[in-house]
Amino acid sequence: MLNPAPGSTFSSSSASFNWSAGSATSYILLVGSSQYAHDIYSIGPTSVLSATVNNIPTDGRTIFVTLASNVGGSWTSNNYTYAAATSLATPTPTATPTPTATATASPTPTPTPTPVAVDPLTVADVQTIINHAVTRAVRISPNSVIAVVDREGYVLGVWVVRGGAATPGEIATAVSKAGTAAYLSSNQNAFTSRTAGFIIQQHFPPGVKNTAPGPLVGVGLSNLFISDVNHFKKIDMVYCPPPYPPAVIPSPGTF
């Protein structure tokens, strides 16, 4: 990190960061209130060598900055700390308004609100999701392949953390796990493929026999690419009727 100097104090709520290229090909910059956090700012993977960060708190807290670099397909990170600026402004007291009596309105029926359609993910949303996933993968699984799908299972983005190209099997696995999470999750709760694999077993918890089945037992068999129909290829296209016993050979004109 070239600027600001590590350990320095910001002069305002905005700061410009500059770093040297070295031998890296892409970078991730995280700015947050704790180590590896990005509640203040995040960017990357990107090839730029600078970034301007706004809305930095001015309460004197410690600001944590992480700069991750992709060198030869492997990610390495450097951590820095800074001190936030301290605001000297004195708040102006606000007069308390005098309460006034208001008439109580008669209750009226409240119509049931129409469900609001969920907005599709934008390009910025997909980039943010991948940025967060890459930030985590750099620390725990640098060989990860990250996939983003919508609720219908359409692929919106795939990112290979280690760099280079992934195999078709790796991409298919990532897309399958992302689709499982998207299908089972809601707007209120996230649902991972690992959780799904845990609660669809014949016994819950898995590995403990004679216990009740999982809450979603059998879901794993509801969307297979095979069916119960067996197909047999006909070997001889010439039709050969079965022979009749002599006693049951039909005579001409017999119905």
Protein backbone atom coordinates (compact mmCIF):
# COMPACT_ATOMS: atom_id res chain seq x y z
CA MET A 1 0.00 0.00 0.00
CA LEU A 2 1.54 3.29 -1.13
CA ASN A 3 -1.06 5.79 0.10
CA PRO A 4 -2.30 6.50 2.69
CA ALA A 5 0.65 5.40 4.78
CA PRO A 6 -0.32 2.40 6.95
CA GLY A 7 -1.06 3.44 10.53
CA SER A 8 -1.88 7.04 9.62
CA THR A 9 -5.03 8.99 10.54
CA PHE A 10 -7.57 10.00 7.92
CA SER A 11 -8.23 13.72 7.64
CA SER A 12 -11.88 13.37 6.58
CA SER A 13 -14.55 10.84 5.70
CA SER A 14 -12.94 10.27 2.30
CA ALA A 15 -9.59 8.68 1.43
CA SER A 16 -7.81 7.67 -1.79
CA PHE A 17 -5.91 4.38 -1.72
CA ASN A 18 -3.03 3.62 -4.11
CA TRP A 19 -0.96 0.46 -4.34
CA SER A 20 1.86 -0.87 -6.48
CA ALA A 21 1.27 -3.48 -9.17
CA GLY A 22 4.05 -5.90 -8.30
CA SER A 23 3.57 -9.23 -10.10
CA ALA A 24 -0.18 -9.50 -9.41
CA THR A 25 -2.83 -9.50 -12.15
CA SER A 26 -5.92 -8.59 -10.12
CA TYR A 27 -6.80 -7.20 -6.70
CA ILE A 28 -9.55 -7.03 -4.07
CA LEU A 29 -9.78 -4.07 -1.65
CA LEU A 30 -11.85 -4.38 1.55
CA VAL A 31 -12.45 -1.54 4.04
CA GLY A 32 -14.36 -2.25 7.24
CA SER A 33 -14.70 -1.87 10.98
CA SER A 34 -13.03 -5.23 11.71
CA GLN A 35 -10.48 -7.56 10.13
CA TYR A 36 -11.59 -8.76 6.66
CA ALA A 37 -14.86 -6.80 6.98
CA HIS A 38 -16.20 -4.76 4.07
CA ASP A 39 -19.07 -2.84 5.65
CA ILE A 40 -17.53 0.46 4.52
CA TYR A 41 -16.24 -0.38 1.03
CA SER A 42 -15.24 -3.25 -1.28
CA ILE A 43 -14.03 -3.57 -4.85
CA GLY A 44 -12.73 -6.41 -6.98
CA PRO A 45 -11.57 -8.57 -8.44
CA THR A 46 -10.18 -5.67 -10.49
CA SER A 47 -7.00 -4.66 -12.27
CA VAL A 48 -6.97 -1.00 -11.15
CA LEU A 49 -4.28 0.28 -8.78
CA SER A 50 -6.31 2.90 -6.89
CA ALA A 51 -9.70 3.43 -5.29
CA THR A 52 -11.45 6.34 -3.56
CA VAL A 53 -13.43 5.41 -0.45
CA ASN A 54 -16.18 7.71 0.84
CA ASN A 55 -18.46 7.63 3.89
CA ILE A 56 -15.68 6.59 6.26
CA PRO A 57 -16.84 7.08 9.89
CA THR A 58 -15.40 10.14 11.67
CA ASP A 59 -15.53 8.86 15.24
CA GLY A 60 -11.85 8.02 15.67
CA ARG A 61 -12.34 4.26 15.41
CA THR A 62 -9.77 1.87 13.93
CA ILE A 63 -10.34 1.22 10.23
CA PHE A 64 -9.20 -2.15 8.86
CA VAL A 65 -8.05 -2.43 5.23
CA THR A 66 -7.29 -5.68 3.37
CA LEU A 67 -5.60 -5.75 -0.04
CA ALA A 68 -5.72 -9.22 -1.69
CA SER A 69 -3.57 -9.87 -4.77
CA ASN A 70 -3.83 -12.65 -7.36
CA VAL A 71 -0.29 -13.79 -8.19
CA GLY A 72 -0.01 -16.70 -10.59
CA GLY A 73 -3.54 -17.92 -9.79
CA SER A 74 -3.07 -17.82 -5.99
CA TRP A 75 -4.50 -15.13 -3.71
CA THR A 76 -2.46 -13.52 -0.95
CA SER A 77 -3.64 -10.74 1.35
CA ASN A 78 -2.00 -7.86 3.23
CA ASN A 79 -3.76 -6.19 6.17
CA TYR A 80 -3.43 -2.55 7.26
CA THR A 81 -4.98 -0.40 9.99
CA TYR A 82 -5.79 3.31 10.05
CA ALA A 83 -7.41 5.73 12.47
CA ALA A 84 -10.63 7.42 11.42
CA ALA A 85 -10.91 11.20 11.58
CA THR A 86 -12.60 12.74 14.61
CA SER A 87 -15.49 15.12 14.00
CA LEU A 88 -15.29 18.35 16.05
CA ALA A 89 -18.75 19.62 15.19
CA THR A 90 -21.03 20.33 18.17
CA PRO A 91 -24.62 19.24 17.66
CA THR A 92 -27.21 22.01 17.82
CA PRO A 93 -29.91 21.35 20.44
CA THR A 94 -33.36 20.86 18.96
CA ALA A 95 -36.38 22.33 20.67
CA THR A 96 -38.93 19.81 21.86
CA PRO A 97 -42.27 20.48 20.15
CA THR A 98 -45.36 20.89 22.32
CA PRO A 99 -47.73 17.97 21.83
CA THR A 100 -51.16 18.81 20.47
CA ALA A 101 -54.35 16.86 20.91
CA THR A 102 -55.47 14.90 17.87
CA ALA A 103 -58.82 13.36 17.15
CA THR A 104 -59.02 9.58 17.18
CA ALA A 105 -60.09 8.30 13.80
CA SER A 106 -62.51 5.42 13.44
CA PRO A 107 -60.84 2.19 12.42
CA THR A 108 -61.12 1.36 8.74
CA PRO A 109 -60.56 -2.00 7.09
CA THR A 110 -57.03 -2.43 5.82
CA PRO A 111 -56.86 -4.07 2.39
CA THR A 112 -54.55 -7.01 1.99
CA PRO A 113 -51.42 -5.75 0.23
CA THR A 114 -50.63 -7.25 -3.14
CA PRO A 115 -47.41 -9.27 -3.05
CA VAL A 116 -44.59 -7.32 -4.60
CA ALA A 117 -42.69 -9.07 -7.34
CA VAL A 118 -39.06 -9.75 -6.49
CA ASP A 119 -36.76 -7.63 -8.62
CA PRO A 120 -34.27 -9.66 -10.64
CA LEU A 121 -30.61 -9.45 -9.74
CA THR A 122 -28.77 -6.64 -11.51
CA VAL A 123 -25.22 -6.80 -12.84
CA ALA A 124 -24.08 -4.87 -9.75
CA ASP A 125 -25.87 -7.38 -7.48
CA VAL A 126 -24.13 -10.33 -9.15
CA GLN A 127 -20.75 -8.59 -8.89
CA THR A 128 -21.32 -7.89 -5.19
CA ILE A 129 -22.28 -11.52 -4.50
CA ILE A 130 -19.18 -12.79 -6.31
CA ASN A 131 -16.97 -10.26 -4.50
CA HIS A 132 -18.21 -11.45 -1.11
CA ALA A 133 -17.83 -15.11 -2.08
CA VAL A 134 -14.30 -14.59 -3.43
CA THR A 135 -13.32 -12.74 -0.25
CA ARG A 136 -14.39 -15.73 1.82
CA ALA A 137 -12.96 -18.33 -0.58
CA VAL A 138 -9.52 -16.68 -0.60
CA ARG A 139 -9.28 -17.43 3.13
CA ILE A 140 -10.74 -20.95 3.32
CA SER A 141 -10.82 -22.55 -0.16
CA PRO A 142 -8.67 -20.91 -2.88
CA ASN A 143 -9.63 -23.60 -5.43
CA SER A 144 -13.35 -22.79 -5.28
CA VAL A 145 -15.59 -22.26 -8.31
CA ILE A 146 -18.36 -19.75 -7.55
CA ALA A 147 -21.69 -19.76 -9.41
CA VAL A 148 -24.65 -17.34 -9.14
CA VAL A 149 -28.13 -18.32 -10.36
CA ASP A 150 -31.58 -16.75 -10.10
CA ARG A 151 -34.70 -18.32 -8.58
CA GLU A 152 -35.45 -20.06 -11.89
CA GLY A 153 -32.00 -21.65 -12.04
CA TYR A 154 -30.62 -19.48 -14.85
CA VAL A 155 -26.86 -19.00 -14.53
CA LEU A 156 -25.94 -15.34 -13.97
CA GLY A 157 -22.21 -15.65 -13.34
CA VAL A 158 -19.37 -18.12 -12.73
CA TRP A 159 -16.00 -17.21 -11.20
CA VAL A 160 -12.92 -19.42 -10.78
CA VAL A 161 -11.12 -18.21 -7.67
CA ARG A 162 -7.77 -19.79 -8.52
CA GLY A 163 -7.80 -18.20 -12.00
CA GLY A 164 -7.72 -19.97 -15.35
CA ALA A 165 -10.43 -22.27 -16.65
CA ALA A 166 -12.49 -24.74 -14.63
CA THR A 167 -13.45 -28.22 -15.80
CA PRO A 168 -17.05 -28.85 -16.96
CA GLY A 169 -17.57 -31.02 -13.89
CA GLU A 170 -16.45 -28.25 -11.52
CA ILE A 171 -18.75 -25.73 -13.17
CA ALA A 172 -21.69 -28.18 -13.16
CA THR A 173 -21.17 -28.87 -9.45
CA ALA A 174 -21.05 -25.15 -8.59
CA VAL A 175 -24.19 -24.41 -10.64
CA SER A 176 -26.04 -27.38 -9.11
CA LYS A 177 -25.25 -26.26 -5.55
CA ALA A 178 -26.21 -22.67 -6.33
CA GLY A 179 -29.51 -23.86 -7.83
CA THR A 180 -30.29 -25.93 -4.73
CA ALA A 181 -29.72 -22.91 -2.48
CA ALA A 182 -31.78 -20.61 -4.73
CA TYR A 183 -34.67 -23.09 -4.94
CA LEU A 184 -34.94 -23.73 -1.20
CA SER A 185 -34.13 -20.23 0.11
CA SER A 186 -36.63 -17.43 0.71
CA ASN A 187 -36.45 -13.66 1.06
CA GLN A 188 -36.14 -14.14 4.82
CA ASN A 189 -33.85 -17.16 5.17
CA ALA A 190 -30.84 -18.49 3.30
CA PHE A 191 -30.63 -22.23 2.64
CA THR A 192 -27.31 -23.85 1.71
CA SER A 193 -26.82 -27.04 -0.27
CA ARG A 194 -25.00 -28.51 2.75
CA THR A 195 -28.10 -27.99 4.90
CA ALA A 196 -30.27 -29.54 2.19
CA GLY A 197 -28.05 -32.60 2.03
CA PHE A 198 -28.33 -32.94 5.81
CA ILE A 199 -32.13 -32.93 6.15
CA ILE A 200 -33.18 -35.05 3.15
CA GLN A 201 -31.74 -38.26 4.58
CA GLN A 202 -33.74 -41.35 5.62
CA HIS A 203 -32.67 -40.82 9.24
CA PHE A 204 -32.16 -37.49 10.99
CA PRO A 205 -29.44 -36.76 11.99
CA PRO A 206 -27.69 -38.73 9.22
CA GLY A 207 -25.77 -41.76 10.45
CA VAL A 208 -28.05 -42.36 13.46
CA LYS A 209 -30.29 -45.35 12.67
CA ASN A 210 -33.88 -45.86 13.83
CA THR A 211 -34.53 -42.12 14.06
CA ALA A 212 -37.25 -40.18 12.26
CA PRO A 213 -36.59 -39.10 8.66
CA GLY A 214 -35.37 -35.60 7.88
CA PRO A 215 -37.89 -32.76 7.33
CA LEU A 216 -37.37 -32.88 3.54
CA VAL A 217 -36.72 -36.59 3.08
CA GLY A 218 -36.99 -37.66 -0.56
CA VAL A 219 -36.52 -34.22 -2.09
CA GLY A 220 -33.20 -35.38 -3.50
CA LEU A 221 -35.09 -37.95 -5.63
CA SER A 222 -37.68 -35.52 -7.00
CA ASN A 223 -35.61 -33.99 -9.78
CA LEU A 224 -33.40 -36.71 -11.20
CA PHE A 225 -32.43 -36.87 -14.86
CA ILE A 226 -33.57 -40.50 -15.05
CA SER A 227 -37.07 -42.06 -14.78
CA ASP A 228 -38.75 -45.33 -13.82
CA VAL A 229 -39.42 -46.29 -17.48
CA ASN A 230 -37.15 -48.98 -18.91
CA HIS A 231 -36.46 -48.77 -22.64
CA PHE A 232 -35.66 -51.93 -24.67
CA LYS A 233 -34.28 -51.71 -28.18
CA LYS A 234 -36.00 -54.05 -30.65
CA ILE A 235 -33.43 -56.43 -32.13
CA ASP A 236 -35.37 -57.96 -35.08
CA MET A 237 -37.83 -55.81 -37.01
CA VAL A 238 -39.57 -58.93 -38.54
CA TYR A 239 -42.76 -59.81 -36.68
CA CYS A 240 -43.03 -63.49 -35.77
CA PRO A 241 -46.39 -64.51 -34.23
CA PRO A 242 -46.30 -67.17 -31.51
CA PRO A 243 -47.18 -70.73 -32.62
CA TYR A 244 -50.62 -72.05 -31.74
CA PRO A 245 -51.17 -75.51 -30.27
CA PRO A 246 -52.93 -77.89 -32.75
CA ALA A 247 -56.14 -77.88 -30.74
CA VAL A 248 -56.63 -74.13 -30.91
CA ILE A 249 -55.64 -73.38 -34.53
CA PRO A 250 -58.44 -71.13 -35.87
CA SER A 251 -60.22 -72.30 -39.00
CA PRO A 252 -61.13 -69.97 -41.89
CA GLY A 253 -64.28 -68.04 -41.15
CA THR A 254 -64.12 -68.65 -37.45
CA PHE A 255 -64.67 -65.65 -35.17
